[in-house]
Amino acid sequence: MIGLRVLKSGVAVFLAAVVSDLLNFSTPFFACMTAFISMEKTLLTSLQLGKNRVLGTAIGAVVGGLLSFYFPGNKIVAGIAVMICIKICTKLKLHGAIFISGIVCIACLIHNKSISGIEYAFDRTLHTFVGMVISIMLNVLLLPYYNISRLAQLQDKLISAIKSQDFGKIEQSFVCFKENVELYRNEILKKSKKIVIEKYYNNLSSFEKIYDIFKVLNSIDDVNTSEVLNKKINQYLKQIDSNI
């Protein structure tokens, strides 16, 4: 059976190739490559990856394109240009864009001489942007099905683990609940479902405090301290129960 991510990747590449033909791109390669690379499991990671790729391409294209106008094919300038790209990305805290900015910059300076470096830079940026937009649009239109009732099941499982005071089960259940709540919160766009998810997200802070208390309980033997901490756990459980 073909998974949703596999299907979206294939469709994204196909659409990128079709759009490239409609826009008369000299080659659909970069649009197709970006559409494929930007297709992640979740919308949030796709947006992050797409942002890094587009901004990295733009930075590399501007630096490489401008320098290629004055120093076409200059190998020393190519090395300096890459350092400039790295510095810009680091300054802007775009660490995920460093690699692609360097690649594009080098390509602009040391590329096929049939077109100018500036023209290459513009084409590369445009093609990358088209591929990224296609990937993100598909991720928005074809979001996986998120069953809200699963959060309720995971929350009940975590509460049962807390009441059993089995730290191993608590840790496992807490990590699973937290990952799913944060995933659903970032991915689901429908307002009515977001309201429900916010209730679980609000409970998450209480569960985090309970989890931290159990980490302390797991490392001490003092009875009085244990009693005080257990009272706090019960208080947090009551808060969670009132929010359900």
Foldseek 3Di string as FASTA:
>chain_A
DDDPLNVLLVVLLVVLQVVCVVVVQVDSVLLNVLLNVLSDQALVSSVLLLVLLLVLLLLLLVLLQVVCVVQAQDPVSLVVSLVVSCVVCVVVVSNVNSVNSSVNSNCLRHHDPPDHSNVSSVSNSVSSNNSSVSNSVSCLVDPDDDDLVVLVVLVVQLVVCVVVLPLVSNVVSLVVNVVSLVRCCVHDDDPVSNVVSVLSVVLNVLSVLLNVLSVVVVPDDDPVSVVVSVVSNVVSVVVNVVSD
